[in-house]
Every structure is written in structure tokens, then in C-alpha cells.
PDB file of all heavy atoms in Angstrom:
ATOM      1  N   ILE A   1     -12.501  35.630  10.287  1.00  0.00           N
ATOM      2  CA  ILE A   1     -12.436  36.853  11.105  1.00  0.00           C
ATOM      3  C   ILE A   1     -13.356  37.924  10.525  1.00  0.00           C
ATOM      4  O   ILE A   1     -14.052  38.639  11.262  1.00  0.00           O
ATOM      5  CB  ILE A   1     -10.985  37.367  11.207  1.00  0.00           C
ATOM      6  CG1 ILE A   1     -10.130  36.378  12.012  1.00  0.00           C
ATOM      7  CG2 ILE A   1     -10.940  38.751  11.851  1.00  0.00           C
ATOM      8  CD1 ILE A   1      -8.654  36.721  12.052  1.00  0.00           C
ATOM      9  N   ALA A   2     -13.386  38.049   9.204  1.00  0.00           N
ATOM     10  CA  ALA A   2     -14.276  39.018   8.563  1.00  0.00           C
ATOM     11  C   ALA A   2     -15.738  38.673   8.832  1.00  0.00           C
ATOM     12  O   ALA A   2     -16.571  39.564   9.063  1.00  0.00           O
ATOM     13  CB  ALA A   2     -14.006  39.058   7.061  1.00  0.00           C
ATOM     14  N   LEU A   3     -16.067  37.371   8.837  1.00  0.00           N
ATOM     15  CA  LEU A   3     -17.435  36.956   9.148  1.00  0.00           C
ATOM     16  C   LEU A   3     -17.812  37.326  10.582  1.00  0.00           C
ATOM     17  O   LEU A   3     -18.915  37.822  10.847  1.00  0.00           O
ATOM     18  CB  LEU A   3     -17.579  35.445   8.929  1.00  0.00           C
ATOM     19  CG  LEU A   3     -18.958  34.839   9.267  1.00  0.00           C
ATOM     20  CD1 LEU A   3     -20.043  35.471   8.388  1.00  0.00           C
ATOM     21  CD2 LEU A   3     -18.928  33.329   9.092  1.00  0.00           C
ATOM     22  N   LEU A   4     -16.886  37.098  11.511  1.00  0.00           N
ATOM     23  CA  LEU A   4     -17.134  37.477  12.909  1.00  0.00           C
ATOM     24  C   LEU A   4     -17.311  38.987  13.042  1.00  0.00           C
ATOM     25  O   LEU A   4     -18.136  39.457  13.840  1.00  0.00           O
ATOM     26  CB  LEU A   4     -15.972  37.003  13.789  1.00  0.00           C
ATOM     27  CG  LEU A   4     -15.836  35.491  13.993  1.00  0.00           C
ATOM     28  CD1 LEU A   4     -14.573  35.174  14.797  1.00  0.00           C
ATOM     29  CD2 LEU A   4     -17.070  34.945  14.712  1.00  0.00           C
ATOM     30  N   ALA A   5     -16.556  39.750  12.274  1.00  0.00           N
ATOM     31  CA  ALA A   5     -16.697  41.211  12.314  1.00  0.00           C
ATOM     32  C   ALA A   5     -18.079  41.637  11.838  1.00  0.00           C
ATOM     33  O   ALA A   5     -18.713  42.519  12.431  1.00  0.00           O
ATOM     34  CB  ALA A   5     -15.610  41.861  11.462  1.00  0.00           C
ATOM     35  N   ILE A   6     -18.572  40.992  10.771  1.00  0.00           N
ATOM     36  CA  ILE A   6     -19.914  41.311  10.263  1.00  0.00           C
ATOM     37  C   ILE A   6     -20.973  40.980  11.311  1.00  0.00           C
ATOM     38  O   ILE A   6     -21.924  41.739  11.539  1.00  0.00           O
ATOM     39  CB  ILE A   6     -20.177  40.560   8.949  1.00  0.00           C
ATOM     40  CG1 ILE A   6     -19.238  41.076   7.850  1.00  0.00           C
ATOM     41  CG2 ILE A   6     -21.631  40.726   8.514  1.00  0.00           C
ATOM     42  CD1 ILE A   6     -19.298  40.272   6.572  1.00  0.00           C
ATOM     43  N   LEU A   7     -20.811  39.825  11.991  1.00  0.00           N
ATOM     44  CA  LEU A   7     -21.752  39.452  13.053  1.00  0.00           C
ATOM     45  C   LEU A   7     -21.707  40.454  14.201  1.00  0.00           C
ATOM     46  O   LEU A   7     -22.742  40.783  14.793  1.00  0.00           O
ATOM     47  CB  LEU A   7     -21.431  38.042  13.558  1.00  0.00           C
ATOM     48  CG  LEU A   7     -21.692  36.893  12.568  1.00  0.00           C
ATOM     49  CD1 LEU A   7     -21.236  35.570  13.167  1.00  0.00           C
ATOM     50  CD2 LEU A   7     -23.175  36.839  12.209  1.00  0.00           C
ATOM     51  N   ALA A   8     -20.520  40.931  14.529  1.00  0.00           N
ATOM     52  CA  ALA A   8     -20.388  41.924  15.604  1.00  0.00           C
ATOM     53  C   ALA A   8     -21.085  43.228  15.231  1.00  0.00           C
ATOM     54  O   ALA A   8     -21.775  43.834  16.059  1.00  0.00           O
ATOM     55  CB  ALA A   8     -18.909  42.179  15.897  1.00  0.00           C
ATOM     56  N   PHE A   9     -20.931  43.643  13.966  1.00  0.00           N
ATOM     57  CA  PHE A   9     -21.627  44.845  13.508  1.00  0.00           C
ATOM     58  C   PHE A   9     -23.141  44.659  13.585  1.00  0.00           C
ATOM     59  O   PHE A   9     -23.878  45.556  14.011  1.00  0.00           O
ATOM     60  CB  PHE A   9     -21.221  45.190  12.072  1.00  0.00           C
ATOM     61  CG  PHE A   9     -19.828  45.724  11.940  1.00  0.00           C
ATOM     62  CD1 PHE A   9     -19.019  45.332  10.879  1.00  0.00           C
ATOM     63  CD2 PHE A   9     -19.312  46.603  12.874  1.00  0.00           C
ATOM     64  CE1 PHE A   9     -17.726  45.824  10.757  1.00  0.00           C
ATOM     65  CE2 PHE A   9     -18.022  47.095  12.761  1.00  0.00           C
ATOM     66  CZ  PHE A   9     -17.223  46.698  11.701  1.00  0.00           C
ATOM     67  N   GLY A  10     -23.630  43.487  13.171  1.00  0.00           N
ATOM     68  CA  GLY A  10     -25.066  43.227  13.223  1.00  0.00           C
ATOM     69  C   GLY A  10     -25.592  43.168  14.645  1.00  0.00           C
ATOM     70  O   GLY A  10     -26.695  43.656  14.927  1.00  0.00           O
ATOM     71  N   ALA A  11     -24.814  42.579  15.573  1.00  0.00           N
ATOM     72  CA  ALA A  11     -25.242  42.485  16.977  1.00  0.00           C
ATOM     73  C   ALA A  11     -25.405  43.854  17.604  1.00  0.00           C
ATOM     74  O   ALA A  11     -26.237  44.046  18.502  1.00  0.00           O
ATOM     75  CB  ALA A  11     -24.244  41.656  17.773  1.00  0.00           C
ATOM     76  N   CYS A  12     -24.647  44.825  17.123  1.00  0.00           N
ATOM     77  CA  CYS A  12     -24.732  46.178  17.673  1.00  0.00           C
ATOM     78  C   CYS A  12     -26.124  46.754  17.509  1.00  0.00           C
ATOM     79  O   CYS A  12     -26.627  47.449  18.396  1.00  0.00           O
ATOM     80  CB  CYS A  12     -23.699  47.075  17.001  1.00  0.00           C
ATOM     81  SG  CYS A  12     -23.711  48.767  17.574  1.00  0.00           S
ATOM     82  N   PHE A  13     -26.783  46.455  16.379  1.00  0.00           N
ATOM     83  CA  PHE A  13     -28.116  47.003  16.120  1.00  0.00           C
ATOM     84  C   PHE A  13     -29.188  46.333  16.973  1.00  0.00           C
ATOM     85  O   PHE A  13     -30.311  46.824  17.052  1.00  0.00           O
ATOM     86  CB  PHE A  13     -28.449  46.857  14.635  1.00  0.00           C
ATOM     87  CG  PHE A  13     -27.597  47.694  13.736  1.00  0.00           C
ATOM     88  CD1 PHE A  13     -26.503  47.146  13.095  1.00  0.00           C
ATOM     89  CD2 PHE A  13     -27.870  49.039  13.554  1.00  0.00           C
ATOM     90  CE1 PHE A  13     -25.696  47.918  12.275  1.00  0.00           C
ATOM     91  CE2 PHE A  13     -27.079  49.820  12.743  1.00  0.00           C
ATOM     92  CZ  PHE A  13     -25.985  49.267  12.097  1.00  0.00           C
ATOM     93  N   VAL A  14     -28.854  45.215  17.606  1.00  0.00           N
ATOM     94  CA  VAL A  14     -29.773  44.556  18.529  1.00  0.00           C
ATOM     95  C   VAL A  14     -29.487  44.966  19.964  1.00  0.00           C
ATOM     96  O   VAL A  14     -30.397  45.247  20.749  1.00  0.00           O
ATOM     97  CB  VAL A  14     -29.676  43.013  18.375  1.00  0.00           C
ATOM     98  CG1 VAL A  14     -30.577  42.316  19.391  1.00  0.00           C
ATOM     99  CG2 VAL A  14     -30.029  42.594  16.967  1.00  0.00           C
ATOM    100  N   VAL A  15     -28.215  45.020  20.323  1.00  0.00           N
ATOM    101  CA  VAL A  15     -27.818  45.298  21.706  1.00  0.00           C
ATOM    102  C   VAL A  15     -28.071  46.760  22.071  1.00  0.00           C
ATOM    103  O   VAL A  15     -28.571  47.062  23.164  1.00  0.00           O
ATOM    104  CB  VAL A  15     -26.335  44.942  21.909  1.00  0.00           C
ATOM    105  CG1 VAL A  15     -25.861  45.375  23.300  1.00  0.00           C
ATOM    106  CG2 VAL A  15     -26.121  43.450  21.725  1.00  0.00           C
ATOM    107  N   ALA A  16     -27.752  47.679  21.154  1.00  0.00           N
ATOM    108  CA  ALA A  16     -27.874  49.105  21.475  1.00  0.00           C
ATOM    109  C   ALA A  16     -29.294  49.505  21.883  1.00  0.00           C
ATOM    110  O   ALA A  16     -29.475  50.154  22.918  1.00  0.00           O
ATOM    111  CB  ALA A  16     -27.382  49.951  20.299  1.00  0.00           C
ATOM    112  N   PRO A  17     -30.353  49.141  21.124  1.00  0.00           N
ATOM    113  CA  PRO A  17     -31.706  49.501  21.572  1.00  0.00           C
ATOM    114  C   PRO A  17     -32.074  48.895  22.923  1.00  0.00           C
ATOM    115  O   PRO A  17     -32.773  49.532  23.726  1.00  0.00           O
ATOM    116  CB  PRO A  17     -32.601  48.956  20.459  1.00  0.00           C
ATOM    117  CG  PRO A  17     -31.738  48.885  19.259  1.00  0.00           C
ATOM    118  CD  PRO A  17     -30.392  48.520  19.783  1.00  0.00           C
ATOM    119  N   LEU A  18     -31.605  47.664  23.192  1.00  0.00           N
ATOM    120  CA  LEU A  18     -31.903  47.039  24.482  1.00  0.00           C
ATOM    121  C   LEU A  18     -31.243  47.801  25.622  1.00  0.00           C
ATOM    122  O   LEU A  18     -31.857  48.043  26.671  1.00  0.00           O
ATOM    123  CB  LEU A  18     -31.425  45.585  24.477  1.00  0.00           C
ATOM    124  CG  LEU A  18     -32.201  44.620  23.568  1.00  0.00           C
ATOM    125  CD1 LEU A  18     -31.559  43.242  23.594  1.00  0.00           C
ATOM    126  CD2 LEU A  18     -33.657  44.529  24.003  1.00  0.00           C
ATOM    127  N   VAL A  19     -29.989  48.200  25.432  1.00  0.00           N
ATOM    128  CA  VAL A  19     -29.282  48.949  26.468  1.00  0.00           C
ATOM    129  C   VAL A  19     -29.960  50.285  26.714  1.00  0.00           C
ATOM    130  O   VAL A  19     -30.207  50.682  27.861  1.00  0.00           O
ATOM    131  CB  VAL A  19     -27.800  49.159  26.064  1.00  0.00           C
ATOM    132  CG1 VAL A  19     -27.111  50.128  27.006  1.00  0.00           C
ATOM    133  CG2 VAL A  19     -27.066  47.826  26.048  1.00  0.00           C
ATOM    134  N   PHE A  20     -30.277  51.003  25.645  1.00  0.00           N
ATOM    135  CA  PHE A  20     -30.924  52.305  25.798  1.00  0.00           C
ATOM    136  C   PHE A  20     -32.313  52.175  26.421  1.00  0.00           C
ATOM    137  O   PHE A  20     -32.749  53.058  27.165  1.00  0.00           O
ATOM    138  CB  PHE A  20     -31.026  53.006  24.440  1.00  0.00           C
ATOM    139  CG  PHE A  20     -29.698  53.352  23.840  1.00  0.00           C
ATOM    140  CD1 PHE A  20     -29.511  53.375  22.474  1.00  0.00           C
ATOM    141  CD2 PHE A  20     -28.621  53.657  24.654  1.00  0.00           C
ATOM    142  CE1 PHE A  20     -28.282  53.689  21.921  1.00  0.00           C
ATOM    143  CE2 PHE A  20     -27.386  53.970  24.112  1.00  0.00           C
ATOM    144  CZ  PHE A  20     -27.218  53.984  22.746  1.00  0.00           C
ATOM    145  N   SER A  21     -33.013  51.074  26.144  1.00  0.00           N
ATOM    146  CA  SER A  21     -34.362  50.889  26.679  1.00  0.00           C
ATOM    147  C   SER A  21     -34.330  50.629  28.180  1.00  0.00           C
ATOM    148  O   SER A  21     -34.994  51.316  28.959  1.00  0.00           O
ATOM    149  CB  SER A  21     -35.063  49.728  25.967  1.00  0.00           C
ATOM    150  OG  SER A  21     -35.236  50.000  24.599  1.00  0.00           O
ATOM    151  N   PHE A  22     -33.564  49.638  28.588  1.00  0.00           N
ATOM    152  CA  PHE A  22     -33.557  49.237  29.993  1.00  0.00           C
ATOM    153  C   PHE A  22     -32.904  50.278  30.901  1.00  0.00           C
ATOM    154  O   PHE A  22     -33.158  50.289  32.109  1.00  0.00           O
ATOM    155  CB  PHE A  22     -32.853  47.893  30.154  1.00  0.00           C
ATOM    156  CG  PHE A  22     -33.692  46.720  29.734  1.00  0.00           C
ATOM    157  CD1 PHE A  22     -33.422  46.059  28.542  1.00  0.00           C
ATOM    158  CD2 PHE A  22     -34.760  46.304  30.500  1.00  0.00           C
ATOM    159  CE1 PHE A  22     -34.201  44.987  28.140  1.00  0.00           C
ATOM    160  CE2 PHE A  22     -35.543  45.231  30.107  1.00  0.00           C
ATOM    161  CZ  PHE A  22     -35.265  44.569  28.921  1.00  0.00           C
ATOM    162  N   GLU A  23     -32.076  51.157  30.343  1.00  0.00           N
ATOM    163  CA  GLU A  23     -31.382  52.146  31.178  1.00  0.00           C
ATOM    164  C   GLU A  23     -31.821  53.569  30.867  1.00  0.00           C
ATOM    165  O   GLU A  23     -31.128  54.523  31.196  1.00  0.00           O
ATOM    166  CB  GLU A  23     -29.869  51.999  30.993  1.00  0.00           C
ATOM    167  CG  GLU A  23     -29.355  50.628  31.427  1.00  0.00           C
ATOM    168  CD  GLU A  23     -27.847  50.520  31.411  1.00  0.00           C
ATOM    169  OE1 GLU A  23     -27.185  51.487  30.964  1.00  0.00           O
ATOM    170  OE2 GLU A  23     -27.312  49.485  31.848  1.00  0.00           O
ATOM    171  N   CYS A  24     -33.007  53.727  30.270  1.00  0.00           N
ATOM    172  CA  CYS A  24     -33.450  55.073  29.892  1.00  0.00           C
ATOM    173  C   CYS A  24     -33.843  55.917  31.097  1.00  0.00           C
ATOM    174  O   CYS A  24     -33.978  57.134  30.974  1.00  0.00           O
ATOM    175  CB  CYS A  24     -34.610  54.992  28.902  1.00  0.00           C
ATOM    176  SG  CYS A  24     -36.154  54.394  29.609  1.00  0.00           S
ATOM    177  N   LEU A  25     -34.052  55.310  32.266  1.00  0.00           N
ATOM    178  CA  LEU A  25     -34.415  56.060  33.473  1.00  0.00           C
ATOM    179  C   LEU A  25     -33.203  56.366  34.349  1.00  0.00           C
ATOM    180  O   LEU A  25     -33.355  56.902  35.447  1.00  0.00           O
ATOM    181  CB  LEU A  25     -35.449  55.279  34.297  1.00  0.00           C
ATOM    182  CG  LEU A  25     -36.714  54.822  33.572  1.00  0.00           C
ATOM    183  CD1 LEU A  25     -37.674  54.176  34.563  1.00  0.00           C
ATOM    184  CD2 LEU A  25     -37.385  55.980  32.864  1.00  0.00           C
ATOM    185  N   THR A  26     -32.019  56.044  33.881  1.00  0.00           N
ATOM    186  CA  THR A  26     -30.829  56.198  34.714  1.00  0.00           C
ATOM    187  C   THR A  26     -30.533  57.657  35.034  1.00  0.00           C
ATOM    188  O   THR A  26     -30.220  58.000  36.183  1.00  0.00           O
ATOM    189  CB  THR A  26     -29.614  55.550  34.021  1.00  0.00           C
ATOM    190  OG1 THR A  26     -29.902  54.183  33.744  1.00  0.00           O
ATOM    191  CG2 THR A  26     -28.385  55.621  34.912  1.00  0.00           C
ATOM    192  N   ILE A  27     -30.620  58.541  34.043  1.00  0.00           N
ATOM    193  CA  ILE A  27     -30.337  59.958  34.301  1.00  0.00           C
ATOM    194  C   ILE A  27     -31.358  60.563  35.267  1.00  0.00           C
ATOM    195  O   ILE A  27     -30.961  61.258  36.215  1.00  0.00           O
ATOM    196  CB  ILE A  27     -30.266  60.742  32.978  1.00  0.00           C
ATOM    197  CG1 ILE A  27     -29.008  60.350  32.204  1.00  0.00           C
ATOM    198  CG2 ILE A  27     -30.272  62.255  33.230  1.00  0.00           C
ATOM    199  CD1 ILE A  27     -28.829  61.077  30.895  1.00  0.00           C
TER     200      ILE A  27
END
């Protein structure tokens, strides 16, 4: 479970820039 938590934390640094990039024209 701790390993999965570390992977989830690491995935955040990949997913967040992608979300902000593709939806930067939303506002």
C-alpha cells in the first residue's frame, strides 16, 4: 500500500501538467 501511495504521488507530477496544458483555454 505504501508503494502504491508513492506511485500515486509520482503520477501527480505527470498528470497535473497535462491537465493544466490541455485545459488552459477553458477560462
